[in-house]
Amino acid sequence: MTDLNDIALFVQVVRAGSFAEAARRLGMPANTASRRIQQLEQALGLRLMQRTTRRLTLTDAGETFYARCAEQVEALAQAADELSETGRQPSGRVRVAAAADFFSVGAMAWVARFLGRYPMIRLEFVLSDVRADMIGEGIDVAIRSGKTLEPTLVARQLGVSRFTLVASPTYLAARGTPETVDALAEHDCISAPQAAGRTVWRIDGPSGLAEVHVGGRFRANTAKAQLEAALAHLGIALLPAALTAPHIRAGELAQVLPDHGVEGLGVYLVYPSRRQLPGAVSAFIDFATKAMAEQGLLEPPPRGRPRREAAAHGSA
């Protein structure tokens, strides 16, 4: 008969990302944790994990097993916490994945308020414009943007982020202000690196969707770097309005073709578990949802549920 304690240990190892970290949290030797997972694999007749010197990777069977077991283990843990004195105050670590420029739009202020309210919670942010592997990297919550999301994730939509064209007044004074979408092809445009060389921008406007091939002398794979390039007068950038709004108000950037932009992308908080979230994770999700809405940087989300067809665009 399969030992339920070993199943709970397997869930903890996946969340921790290593035997050593899981063993530290549970107060046992790392070799004991490894041996018990091997016993679980033998009992199931399945290989759950691929072990290397650097990281653990779940097999297909391991991912399926984790998805089926994690919620049940969480439910049991939460039931125990609710009966204990310590369970009344959310505690523990919450790992959050977000875009590299996440703290460029005033997020640190509300993160500090969150930590002040919950002194027993620790936050770890993994910032990158590469979409995080939530299970492989031990991510509890990710902040993502896109039109579609993975069907395996639970999503709470925070709002909609619209992309607009911006450039510095200095650049526009030197090169002129484009009056049509086609005119962007004659300008230095700041975009992400593309294998094909030139980038295609598909831009909405009063006359509908227009497509233009743009190029430029500076490219970067993060929105933050593209913003800095626009501020340094290197060209026209297509960036989230939430990121550029403070610089437009300060006169450091100006809108280009203000009636044009890219259809708003949904911004979501996503997490793997569908119910029985750990208290610390649930507290962060609720606080972040309210705080990001109060910032006023996103348009209200549309009614209805987000579409779930494929992996989300954007980062985290």
C-alpha atoms as a PDB file:
ATOM      1  CA  MET A   1       0.000   0.000   0.000  1.00  0.00           C
ATOM      2  CA  THR A   2       1.281   3.460  -0.916  1.00  0.00           C
ATOM      3  CA  ASP A   3       2.392   5.526   2.092  1.00  0.00           C
ATOM      4  CA  LEU A   4       0.392   8.767   2.160  1.00  0.00           C
ATOM      5  CA  ASN A   5       3.249  10.478   3.993  1.00  0.00           C
ATOM      6  CA  ASP A   6       5.495   9.806   1.002  1.00  0.00           C
ATOM      7  CA  ILE A   7       2.896  11.369  -1.309  1.00  0.00           C
ATOM      8  CA  ALA A   8       2.836  14.474   0.896  1.00  0.00           C
ATOM      9  CA  LEU A   9       6.648  14.526   0.824  1.00  0.00           C
ATOM     10  CA  PHE A  10       6.610  14.315  -2.984  1.00  0.00           C
ATOM     11  CA  VAL A  11       4.361  17.391  -3.139  1.00  0.00           C
ATOM     12  CA  GLN A  12       6.692  19.270  -0.799  1.00  0.00           C
ATOM     13  CA  VAL A  13       9.762  18.349  -2.877  1.00  0.00           C
ATOM     14  CA  VAL A  14       8.099  19.641  -6.061  1.00  0.00           C
ATOM     15  CA  ARG A  15       7.149  22.912  -4.392  1.00  0.00           C
ATOM     16  CA  ALA A  16      10.591  23.376  -2.855  1.00  0.00           C
ATOM     17  CA  GLY A  17      12.396  22.555  -6.100  1.00  0.00           C
ATOM     18  CA  SER A  18      14.962  20.294  -4.442  1.00  0.00           C
ATOM     19  CA  PHE A  19      15.308  17.491  -1.915  1.00  0.00           C
ATOM     20  CA  ALA A  20      17.615  19.624   0.215  1.00  0.00           C
ATOM     21  CA  GLU A  21      15.149  22.515   0.537  1.00  0.00           C
ATOM     22  CA  ALA A  22      12.172  20.218   1.171  1.00  0.00           C
ATOM     23  CA  ALA A  23      14.135  18.300   3.793  1.00  0.00           C
ATOM     24  CA  ARG A  24      15.180  21.547   5.479  1.00  0.00           C
ATOM     25  CA  ARG A  25      11.578  22.698   5.698  1.00  0.00           C
ATOM     26  CA  LEU A  26      10.451  19.336   7.081  1.00  0.00           C
ATOM     27  CA  GLY A  27      13.392  18.872   9.446  1.00  0.00           C
ATOM     28  CA  MET A  28      14.755  15.642   7.973  1.00  0.00           C
ATOM     29  CA  PRO A  29      18.009  14.617   6.217  1.00  0.00           C
ATOM     30  CA  ALA A  30      18.027  15.176   2.456  1.00  0.00           C
ATOM     31  CA  ASN A  31      19.074  11.582   1.765  1.00  0.00           C
ATOM     32  CA  THR A  32      16.034  10.389   3.739  1.00  0.00           C
ATOM     33  CA  ALA A  33      13.737  12.482   1.571  1.00  0.00           C
ATOM     34  CA  SER A  34      15.393  11.150  -1.595  1.00  0.00           C
ATOM     35  CA  ARG A  35      15.121   7.540  -0.387  1.00  0.00           C
ATOM     36  CA  ARG A  36      11.433   7.911   0.450  1.00  0.00           C
ATOM     37  CA  ILE A  37      10.645   9.338  -2.995  1.00  0.00           C
ATOM     38  CA  GLN A  38      12.478   6.405  -4.565  1.00  0.00           C
ATOM     39  CA  GLN A  39      10.314   4.076  -2.471  1.00  0.00           C
ATOM     40  CA  LEU A  40       7.209   5.905  -3.686  1.00  0.00           C
ATOM     41  CA  GLU A  41       8.326   5.508  -7.303  1.00  0.00           C
ATOM     42  CA  GLN A  42       8.911   1.808  -6.729  1.00  0.00           C
ATOM     43  CA  ALA A  43       5.483   1.409  -5.134  1.00  0.00           C
ATOM     44  CA  LEU A  44       3.818   3.171  -8.068  1.00  0.00           C
ATOM     45  CA  GLY A  45       5.991   1.556 -10.707  1.00  0.00           C
ATOM     46  CA  LEU A  46       6.548   4.997 -12.238  1.00  0.00           C
ATOM     47  CA  ARG A  47       9.430   7.417 -12.621  1.00  0.00           C
ATOM     48  CA  LEU A  48       8.176  10.705 -11.160  1.00  0.00           C
ATOM     49  CA  MET A  49      11.320  12.842 -11.315  1.00  0.00           C
ATOM     50  CA  GLN A  50      14.458  13.236 -13.392  1.00  0.00           C
ATOM     51  CA  ARG A  51      17.302  14.131 -11.037  1.00  0.00           C
ATOM     52  CA  THR A  52      20.378  16.123 -12.050  1.00  0.00           C
ATOM     53  CA  THR A  53      23.021  17.901 -10.013  1.00  0.00           C
ATOM     54  CA  ARG A  54      21.319  21.272 -10.662  1.00  0.00           C
ATOM     55  CA  ARG A  55      17.588  20.705 -10.529  1.00  0.00           C
ATOM     56  CA  LEU A  56      14.673  18.322 -10.453  1.00  0.00           C
ATOM     57  CA  THR A  57      12.404  17.928 -13.459  1.00  0.00           C
ATOM     58  CA  LEU A  58       9.047  16.182 -13.347  1.00  0.00           C
ATOM     59  CA  THR A  59       8.319  13.454 -15.851  1.00  0.00           C
ATOM     60  CA  ASP A  60       4.937  13.421 -17.580  1.00  0.00           C
ATOM     61  CA  ALA A  61       3.770  10.900 -14.998  1.00  0.00           C
ATOM     62  CA  GLY A  62       5.154  13.107 -12.241  1.00  0.00           C
ATOM     63  CA  GLU A  63       3.284  16.167 -13.495  1.00  0.00           C
ATOM     64  CA  THR A  64       0.032  14.204 -13.655  1.00  0.00           C
ATOM     65  CA  PHE A  65       0.582  12.730 -10.202  1.00  0.00           C
ATOM     66  CA  TYR A  66       1.405  16.155  -8.731  1.00  0.00           C
ATOM     67  CA  ALA A  67      -1.683  17.739 -10.288  1.00  0.00           C
ATOM     68  CA  ARG A  68      -3.876  15.016  -8.770  1.00  0.00           C
ATOM     69  CA  CYS A  69      -2.267  14.963  -5.324  1.00  0.00           C
ATOM     70  CA  ALA A  70      -1.290  18.563  -4.582  1.00  0.00           C
ATOM     71  CA  GLU A  71      -4.818  19.823  -3.967  1.00  0.00           C
ATOM     72  CA  GLN A  72      -5.608  16.935  -1.625  1.00  0.00           C
ATOM     73  CA  VAL A  73      -2.428  17.436   0.380  1.00  0.00           C
ATOM     74  CA  GLU A  74      -3.179  21.175   0.570  1.00  0.00           C
ATOM     75  CA  ALA A  75      -6.702  20.451   1.793  1.00  0.00           C
ATOM     76  CA  LEU A  76      -5.409  18.231   4.596  1.00  0.00           C
ATOM     77  CA  ALA A  77      -2.736  20.761   5.570  1.00  0.00           C
ATOM     78  CA  GLN A  78      -5.234  23.603   5.605  1.00  0.00           C
ATOM     79  CA  ALA A  79      -7.662  21.592   7.725  1.00  0.00           C
ATOM     80  CA  ALA A  80      -4.878  21.001  10.245  1.00  0.00           C
ATOM     81  CA  ASP A  81      -3.882  24.678  10.185  1.00  0.00           C
ATOM     82  CA  GLU A  82      -7.427  25.824  10.796  1.00  0.00           C
ATOM     83  CA  LEU A  83      -7.504  23.758  13.984  1.00  0.00           C
ATOM     84  CA  SER A  84      -4.200  25.115  15.241  1.00  0.00           C
ATOM     85  CA  GLU A  85      -3.349  28.468  16.769  1.00  0.00           C
ATOM     86  CA  THR A  86      -0.621  29.202  14.221  1.00  0.00           C
ATOM     87  CA  GLY A  87      -2.971  28.565  11.329  1.00  0.00           C
ATOM     88  CA  ARG A  88      -4.838  31.816  12.003  1.00  0.00           C
ATOM     89  CA  GLN A  89      -1.973  34.015  10.760  1.00  0.00           C
ATOM     90  CA  PRO A  90      -0.788  33.423   7.143  1.00  0.00           C
ATOM     91  CA  SER A  91       2.868  32.511   7.107  1.00  0.00           C
ATOM     92  CA  GLY A  92       5.573  31.043   4.881  1.00  0.00           C
ATOM     93  CA  ARG A  93       7.210  31.835   1.563  1.00  0.00           C
ATOM     94  CA  VAL A  94       5.385  32.937  -1.582  1.00  0.00           C
ATOM     95  CA  ARG A  95       7.325  32.826  -4.865  1.00  0.00           C
ATOM     96  CA  VAL A  96       5.960  35.255  -7.460  1.00  0.00           C
ATOM     97  CA  ALA A  97       6.923  35.385 -11.144  1.00  0.00           C
ATOM     98  CA  ALA A  98       6.498  38.683 -12.974  1.00  0.00           C
ATOM     99  CA  ALA A  99       7.884  40.675 -15.891  1.00  0.00           C
ATOM    100  CA  ALA A 100      11.341  42.199 -15.611  1.00  0.00           C
ATOM    101  CA  ASP A 101       9.833  45.704 -15.454  1.00  0.00           C
ATOM    102  CA  PHE A 102       7.223  44.855 -12.816  1.00  0.00           C
ATOM    103  CA  PHE A 103       8.614  47.204 -10.180  1.00  0.00           C
ATOM    104  CA  SER A 104       8.869  50.073 -12.665  1.00  0.00           C
ATOM    105  CA  VAL A 105       5.181  50.932 -12.255  1.00  0.00           C
ATOM    106  CA  GLY A 106       4.944  51.539  -8.514  1.00  0.00           C
ATOM    107  CA  ALA A 107       4.446  47.974  -7.340  1.00  0.00           C
ATOM    108  CA  MET A 108       7.048  48.194  -4.566  1.00  0.00           C
ATOM    109  CA  ALA A 109       4.808  50.514  -2.520  1.00  0.00           C
ATOM    110  CA  TRP A 110       1.956  48.034  -2.228  1.00  0.00           C
ATOM    111  CA  VAL A 111       4.335  45.085  -1.812  1.00  0.00           C
ATOM    112  CA  ALA A 112       5.794  46.887   1.220  1.00  0.00           C
ATOM    113  CA  ARG A 113       2.272  47.418   2.592  1.00  0.00           C
ATOM    114  CA  PHE A 114       1.540  43.718   2.127  1.00  0.00           C
ATOM    115  CA  LEU A 115       4.652  42.680   4.056  1.00  0.00           C
ATOM    116  CA  GLY A 116       3.756  45.144   6.789  1.00  0.00           C
ATOM    117  CA  ARG A 117       0.307  43.622   7.142  1.00  0.00           C
ATOM    118  CA  TYR A 118       1.565  40.010   7.089  1.00  0.00           C
ATOM    119  CA  PRO A 119       4.809  39.894   9.091  1.00  0.00           C
ATOM    120  CA  MET A 120       5.061  36.088   8.900  1.00  0.00           C
ATOM    121  CA  ILE A 121       5.042  35.947   5.076  1.00  0.00           C
ATOM    122  CA  ARG A 122       8.216  36.090   2.953  1.00  0.00           C
ATOM    123  CA  LEU A 123       8.028  37.146  -0.712  1.00  0.00           C
ATOM    124  CA  GLU A 124      10.433  36.023  -3.420  1.00  0.00           C
ATOM    125  CA  PHE A 125      10.055  37.663  -6.838  1.00  0.00           C
ATOM    126  CA  VAL A 126      11.421  35.973  -9.961  1.00  0.00           C
ATOM    127  CA  LEU A 127      11.585  38.756 -12.565  1.00  0.00           C
ATOM    128  CA  SER A 128      12.041  37.872 -16.220  1.00  0.00           C
ATOM    129  CA  ASP A 129      10.427  38.483 -19.601  1.00  0.00           C
ATOM    130  CA  VAL A 130      10.674  34.731 -20.209  1.00  0.00           C
ATOM    131  CA  ARG A 131       7.574  32.826 -19.137  1.00  0.00           C
ATOM    132  CA  ALA A 132       8.260  30.920 -15.933  1.00  0.00           C
ATOM    133  CA  ASP A 133       7.856  27.155 -15.531  1.00  0.00           C
ATOM    134  CA  MET A 134       5.574  27.328 -12.518  1.00  0.00           C
ATOM    135  CA  ILE A 135       6.082  23.774 -11.295  1.00  0.00           C
ATOM    136  CA  GLY A 136       9.713  23.426 -12.316  1.00  0.00           C
ATOM    137  CA  GLU A 137      10.684  26.739 -10.688  1.00  0.00           C
ATOM    138  CA  GLY A 138       8.452  26.362  -7.646  1.00  0.00           C
ATOM    139  CA  ILE A 139       6.309  29.403  -8.509  1.00  0.00           C
ATOM    140  CA  ASP A 140       3.188  29.943  -6.401  1.00  0.00           C
ATOM    141  CA  VAL A 141       1.723  32.897  -8.331  1.00  0.00           C
ATOM    142  CA  ALA A 142       2.573  34.486 -11.683  1.00  0.00           C
ATOM    143  CA  ILE A 143       1.488  37.846 -13.062  1.00  0.00           C
ATOM    144  CA  ARG A 144       1.015  37.364 -16.798  1.00  0.00           C
ATOM    145  CA  SER A 145      -0.369  39.222 -19.768  1.00  0.00           C
ATOM    146  CA  GLY A 146      -1.862  37.764 -22.914  1.00  0.00           C
ATOM    147  CA  LYS A 147      -5.009  36.913 -24.819  1.00  0.00           C
ATOM    148  CA  THR A 148      -4.992  33.218 -23.920  1.00  0.00           C
ATOM    149  CA  LEU A 149      -3.798  31.151 -20.957  1.00  0.00           C
ATOM    150  CA  GLU A 150      -2.825  27.556 -20.291  1.00  0.00           C
ATOM    151  CA  PRO A 151      -5.918  25.457 -19.539  1.00  0.00           C
ATOM    152  CA  THR A 152      -4.170  23.903 -16.509  1.00  0.00           C
ATOM    153  CA  LEU A 153      -3.861  27.208 -14.629  1.00  0.00           C
ATOM    154  CA  VAL A 154      -6.393  29.140 -12.594  1.00  0.00           C
ATOM    155  CA  ALA A 155      -6.558  32.799 -13.678  1.00  0.00           C
ATOM    156  CA  ARG A 156      -7.899  35.911 -11.989  1.00  0.00           C
ATOM    157  CA  GLN A 157      -8.053  38.810 -14.437  1.00  0.00           C
ATOM    158  CA  LEU A 158      -6.788  42.105 -13.040  1.00  0.00           C
ATOM    159  CA  GLY A 159      -7.553  44.264 -16.058  1.00  0.00           C
ATOM    160  CA  VAL A 160      -6.447  45.084 -19.581  1.00  0.00           C
ATOM    161  CA  SER A 161      -3.180  46.708 -20.633  1.00  0.00           C
ATOM    162  CA  ARG A 162      -3.200  48.616 -23.928  1.00  0.00           C
ATOM    163  CA  PHE A 163      -0.004  49.199 -25.907  1.00  0.00           C
ATOM    164  CA  THR A 164       0.599  52.638 -27.435  1.00  0.00           C
ATOM    165  CA  LEU A 165       3.291  54.294 -29.530  1.00  0.00           C
ATOM    166  CA  VAL A 166       5.638  56.722 -27.782  1.00  0.00           C
ATOM    167  CA  ALA A 167       8.843  58.636 -28.474  1.00  0.00           C
ATOM    168  CA  SER A 168      10.795  61.407 -26.831  1.00  0.00           C
ATOM    169  CA  PRO A 169      10.099  65.007 -27.915  1.00  0.00           C
ATOM    170  CA  THR A 170      13.789  65.275 -28.820  1.00  0.00           C
ATOM    171  CA  TYR A 171      13.551  62.357 -31.249  1.00  0.00           C
ATOM    172  CA  LEU A 172      10.370  63.697 -32.834  1.00  0.00           C
ATOM    173  CA  ALA A 173      11.879  67.174 -33.217  1.00  0.00           C
ATOM    174  CA  ALA A 174      14.845  65.681 -35.071  1.00  0.00           C
ATOM    175  CA  ARG A 175      13.028  63.106 -37.216  1.00  0.00           C
ATOM    176  CA  GLY A 176       9.494  64.429 -37.470  1.00  0.00           C
ATOM    177  CA  THR A 177       6.237  62.972 -36.200  1.00  0.00           C
ATOM    178  CA  PRO A 178       4.708  60.176 -38.327  1.00  0.00           C
ATOM    179  CA  GLU A 179       1.140  60.897 -39.370  1.00  0.00           C
ATOM    180  CA  THR A 180       0.237  57.416 -40.611  1.00  0.00           C
ATOM    181  CA  VAL A 181       1.039  53.842 -39.584  1.00  0.00           C
ATOM    182  CA  ASP A 182       2.905  53.297 -42.868  1.00  0.00           C
ATOM    183  CA  ALA A 183       5.209  56.218 -42.021  1.00  0.00           C
ATOM    184  CA  LEU A 184       6.577  54.201 -39.062  1.00  0.00           C
ATOM    185  CA  ALA A 185       8.590  52.175 -41.582  1.00  0.00           C
ATOM    186  CA  GLU A 186      10.753  55.260 -42.216  1.00  0.00           C
ATOM    187  CA  HIS A 187      11.602  55.732 -38.540  1.00  0.00           C
ATOM    188  CA  ASP A 188      13.890  54.084 -36.019  1.00  0.00           C
ATOM    189  CA  CYS A 189      11.534  51.814 -34.105  1.00  0.00           C
ATOM    190  CA  ILE A 190      12.506  50.119 -30.847  1.00  0.00           C
ATOM    191  CA  SER A 191      11.417  46.495 -30.595  1.00  0.00           C
ATOM    192  CA  ALA A 192      12.446  43.041 -29.434  1.00  0.00           C
ATOM    193  CA  PRO A 193      15.085  41.094 -31.404  1.00  0.00           C
ATOM    194  CA  GLN A 194      13.634  38.991 -34.214  1.00  0.00           C
ATOM    195  CA  ALA A 195      15.311  36.205 -36.168  1.00  0.00           C
ATOM    196  CA  ALA A 196      13.843  37.565 -39.396  1.00  0.00           C
ATOM    197  CA  GLY A 197      15.457  40.979 -38.915  1.00  0.00           C
ATOM    198  CA  ARG A 198      12.517  43.350 -39.256  1.00  0.00           C
ATOM    199  CA  THR A 199       9.555  43.377 -36.902  1.00  0.00           C
ATOM    200  CA  VAL A 200       5.883  43.430 -37.864  1.00  0.00           C
ATOM    201  CA  TRP A 201       3.631  45.705 -35.816  1.00  0.00           C
ATOM    202  CA  ARG A 202      -0.121  45.124 -36.121  1.00  0.00           C
ATOM    203  CA  ILE A 203      -1.765  48.316 -34.921  1.00  0.00           C
ATOM    204  CA  ASP A 204      -5.426  49.186 -34.380  1.00  0.00           C
ATOM    205  CA  GLY A 205      -6.732  52.566 -35.441  1.00  0.00           C
ATOM    206  CA  PRO A 206      -9.863  54.407 -36.551  1.00  0.00           C
ATOM    207  CA  SER A 207      -9.694  52.657 -39.939  1.00  0.00           C
ATOM    208  CA  GLY A 208      -9.144  49.201 -38.482  1.00  0.00           C
ATOM    209  CA  LEU A 209      -6.088  46.996 -38.183  1.00  0.00           C
ATOM    210  CA  ALA A 210      -2.951  48.070 -40.056  1.00  0.00           C
ATOM    211  CA  GLU A 211       0.281  46.146 -40.479  1.00  0.00           C
ATOM    212  CA  VAL A 212       3.714  47.710 -40.874  1.00  0.00           C
ATOM    213  CA  HIS A 213       7.253  46.314 -41.050  1.00  0.00           C
ATOM    214  CA  VAL A 214       9.510  48.351 -38.774  1.00  0.00           C
ATOM    215  CA  GLY A 215      13.207  48.391 -38.056  1.00  0.00           C
ATOM    216  CA  GLY A 216      15.686  50.338 -36.019  1.00  0.00           C
ATOM    217  CA  ARG A 217      19.196  50.458 -34.673  1.00  0.00           C
ATOM    218  CA  PHE A 218      18.350  49.408 -31.112  1.00  0.00           C
ATOM    219  CA  ARG A 219      16.519  46.291 -29.959  1.00  0.00           C
ATOM    220  CA  ALA A 220      16.068  44.725 -26.540  1.00  0.00           C
ATOM    221  CA  ASN A 221      14.129  41.802 -25.153  1.00  0.00           C
ATOM    222  CA  THR A 222      12.585  43.613 -22.150  1.00  0.00           C
ATOM    223  CA  ALA A 223      10.005  46.366 -22.034  1.00  0.00           C
ATOM    224  CA  LYS A 224      12.083  48.188 -19.433  1.00  0.00           C
ATOM    225  CA  ALA A 225      15.087  48.391 -21.767  1.00  0.00           C
ATOM    226  CA  GLN A 226      12.875  49.527 -24.652  1.00  0.00           C
ATOM    227  CA  LEU A 227      11.443  52.253 -22.418  1.00  0.00           C
ATOM    228  CA  GLU A 228      14.944  53.435 -21.479  1.00  0.00           C
ATOM    229  CA  ALA A 229      15.859  53.526 -25.167  1.00  0.00           C
ATOM    230  CA  ALA A 230      12.832  55.693 -25.957  1.00  0.00           C
ATOM    231  CA  LEU A 231      13.763  58.047 -23.116  1.00  0.00           C
ATOM    232  CA  ALA A 232      17.282  58.217 -24.584  1.00  0.00           C
ATOM    233  CA  HIS A 233      15.830  59.487 -27.909  1.00  0.00           C
ATOM    234  CA  LEU A 234      16.643  56.281 -29.847  1.00  0.00           C
ATOM    235  CA  GLY A 235      13.294  55.916 -31.595  1.00  0.00           C
ATOM    236  CA  ILE A 236       9.608  55.077 -31.400  1.00  0.00           C
ATOM    237  CA  ALA A 237       8.514  52.272 -29.062  1.00  0.00           C
ATOM    238  CA  LEU A 238       5.307  50.276 -28.738  1.00  0.00           C
ATOM    239  CA  LEU A 239       4.875  49.803 -25.001  1.00  0.00           C
ATOM    240  CA  PRO A 240       2.189  49.211 -22.345  1.00  0.00           C
ATOM    241  CA  ALA A 241       0.399  52.437 -21.457  1.00  0.00           C
ATOM    242  CA  ALA A 242       0.822  51.614 -17.772  1.00  0.00           C
ATOM    243  CA  LEU A 243       4.592  51.712 -18.219  1.00  0.00           C
ATOM    244  CA  THR A 244       4.769  54.937 -20.212  1.00  0.00           C
ATOM    245  CA  ALA A 245       2.026  57.007 -18.516  1.00  0.00           C
ATOM    246  CA  PRO A 246       4.278  58.569 -15.812  1.00  0.00           C
ATOM    247  CA  HIS A 247       6.816  59.645 -18.440  1.00  0.00           C
ATOM    248  CA  ILE A 248       4.127  61.143 -20.660  1.00  0.00           C
ATOM    249  CA  ARG A 249       2.809  63.161 -17.717  1.00  0.00           C
ATOM    250  CA  ALA A 250       6.356  64.358 -16.993  1.00  0.00           C
ATOM    251  CA  GLY A 251       6.865  65.429 -20.614  1.00  0.00           C
ATOM    252  CA  GLU A 252       9.716  62.943 -21.131  1.00  0.00           C
ATOM    253  CA  LEU A 253       7.723  61.016 -23.745  1.00  0.00           C
ATOM    254  CA  ALA A 254       5.005  61.988 -26.208  1.00  0.00           C
ATOM    255  CA  GLN A 255       2.334  59.834 -27.775  1.00  0.00           C
ATOM    256  CA  VAL A 256       2.745  59.020 -31.455  1.00  0.00           C
ATOM    257  CA  LEU A 257      -0.424  58.415 -33.469  1.00  0.00           C
ATOM    258  CA  PRO A 258      -2.504  58.701 -30.276  1.00  0.00           C
ATOM    259  CA  ASP A 259      -5.588  57.181 -31.917  1.00  0.00           C
ATOM    260  CA  HIS A 260      -3.631  54.006 -32.632  1.00  0.00           C
ATOM    261  CA  GLY A 261      -2.346  51.159 -30.511  1.00  0.00           C
ATOM    262  CA  VAL A 262      -2.518  47.432 -29.893  1.00  0.00           C
ATOM    263  CA  GLU A 263      -5.684  45.801 -28.620  1.00  0.00           C
ATOM    264  CA  GLY A 264      -5.476  45.506 -24.852  1.00  0.00           C
ATOM    265  CA  LEU A 265      -3.920  42.339 -23.478  1.00  0.00           C
ATOM    266  CA  GLY A 266      -5.465  40.814 -20.382  1.00  0.00           C
ATOM    267  CA  VAL A 267      -3.357  40.964 -17.225  1.00  0.00           C
ATOM    268  CA  TYR A 268      -3.858  38.011 -14.893  1.00  0.00           C
ATOM    269  CA  LEU A 269      -2.785  36.502 -11.616  1.00  0.00           C
ATOM    270  CA  VAL A 270      -2.349  32.790 -12.346  1.00  0.00           C
ATOM    271  CA  TYR A 271      -1.651  29.889 -10.023  1.00  0.00           C
ATOM    272  CA  PRO A 272      -1.616  26.090 -10.378  1.00  0.00           C
ATOM    273  CA  SER A 273      -4.032  24.979  -7.653  1.00  0.00           C
ATOM    274  CA  ARG A 274      -7.752  25.261  -8.168  1.00  0.00           C
ATOM    275  CA  ARG A 275      -8.726  25.199  -4.489  1.00  0.00           C
ATOM    276  CA  GLN A 276      -7.371  25.012  -0.975  1.00  0.00           C
ATOM    277  CA  LEU A 277      -4.583  27.512  -1.530  1.00  0.00           C
ATOM    278  CA  PRO A 278      -2.036  27.953   1.280  1.00  0.00           C
ATOM    279  CA  GLY A 279      -3.008  30.895   3.454  1.00  0.00           C
ATOM    280  CA  ALA A 280       0.030  32.961   2.477  1.00  0.00           C
ATOM    281  CA  VAL A 281      -0.632  32.505  -1.248  1.00  0.00           C
ATOM    282  CA  SER A 282      -4.325  33.294  -0.880  1.00  0.00           C
ATOM    283  CA  ALA A 283      -3.495  36.440   1.124  1.00  0.00           C
ATOM    284  CA  PHE A 284      -1.080  37.631  -1.569  1.00  0.00           C
ATOM    285  CA  ILE A 285      -3.557  37.012  -4.392  1.00  0.00           C
ATOM    286  CA  ASP A 286      -6.346  38.930  -2.647  1.00  0.00           C
ATOM    287  CA  PHE A 287      -4.073  41.831  -1.674  1.00  0.00           C
ATOM    288  CA  ALA A 288      -2.396  42.094  -5.101  1.00  0.00           C
ATOM    289  CA  THR A 289      -5.735  42.017  -6.915  1.00  0.00           C
ATOM    290  CA  LYS A 290      -7.035  44.979  -4.919  1.00  0.00           C
ATOM    291  CA  ALA A 291      -3.756  46.916  -4.919  1.00  0.00           C
ATOM    292  CA  MET A 292      -3.189  46.671  -8.665  1.00  0.00           C
ATOM    293  CA  ALA A 293      -6.772  47.757  -9.333  1.00  0.00           C
ATOM    294  CA  GLU A 294      -6.279  50.792  -7.079  1.00  0.00           C
ATOM    295  CA  GLN A 295      -3.176  51.832  -9.051  1.00  0.00           C
ATOM    296  CA  GLY A 296      -5.439  52.679 -11.982  1.00  0.00           C
ATOM    297  CA  LEU A 297      -2.866  51.578 -14.562  1.00  0.00           C
ATOM    298  CA  LEU A 298      -5.110  48.965 -16.166  1.00  0.00           C
ATOM    299  CA  GLU A 299      -8.442  49.250 -17.910  1.00  0.00           C
ATOM    300  CA  PRO A 300     -11.294  47.294 -16.246  1.00  0.00           C
ATOM    301  CA  PRO A 301     -11.487  43.656 -17.393  1.00  0.00           C
ATOM    302  CA  PRO A 302     -14.290  42.713 -19.767  1.00  0.00           C
ATOM    303  CA  ARG A 303     -17.179  40.676 -18.491  1.00  0.00           C
ATOM    304  CA  GLY A 304     -16.935  36.932 -18.757  1.00  0.00           C
ATOM    305  CA  ARG A 305     -14.118  34.433 -18.282  1.00  0.00           C
ATOM    306  CA  PRO A 306     -10.755  34.669 -20.059  1.00  0.00           C
ATOM    307  CA  ARG A 307     -10.248  32.436 -23.058  1.00  0.00           C
ATOM    308  CA  ARG A 308      -8.049  29.408 -22.396  1.00  0.00           C
ATOM    309  CA  GLU A 309      -6.612  28.157 -25.658  1.00  0.00           C
ATOM    310  CA  ALA A 310      -2.833  28.212 -25.417  1.00  0.00           C
ATOM    311  CA  ALA A 311       0.094  29.539 -23.449  1.00  0.00           C
ATOM    312  CA  ALA A 312      -0.126  33.171 -22.446  1.00  0.00           C
ATOM    313  CA  HIS A 313       1.853  35.740 -24.364  1.00  0.00           C
ATOM    314  CA  GLY A 314       4.271  37.886 -22.466  1.00  0.00           C
ATOM    315  CA  SER A 315       6.305  36.956 -19.457  1.00  0.00           C
ATOM    316  CA  ALA A 316       6.235  35.227 -16.128  1.00  0.00           C
END
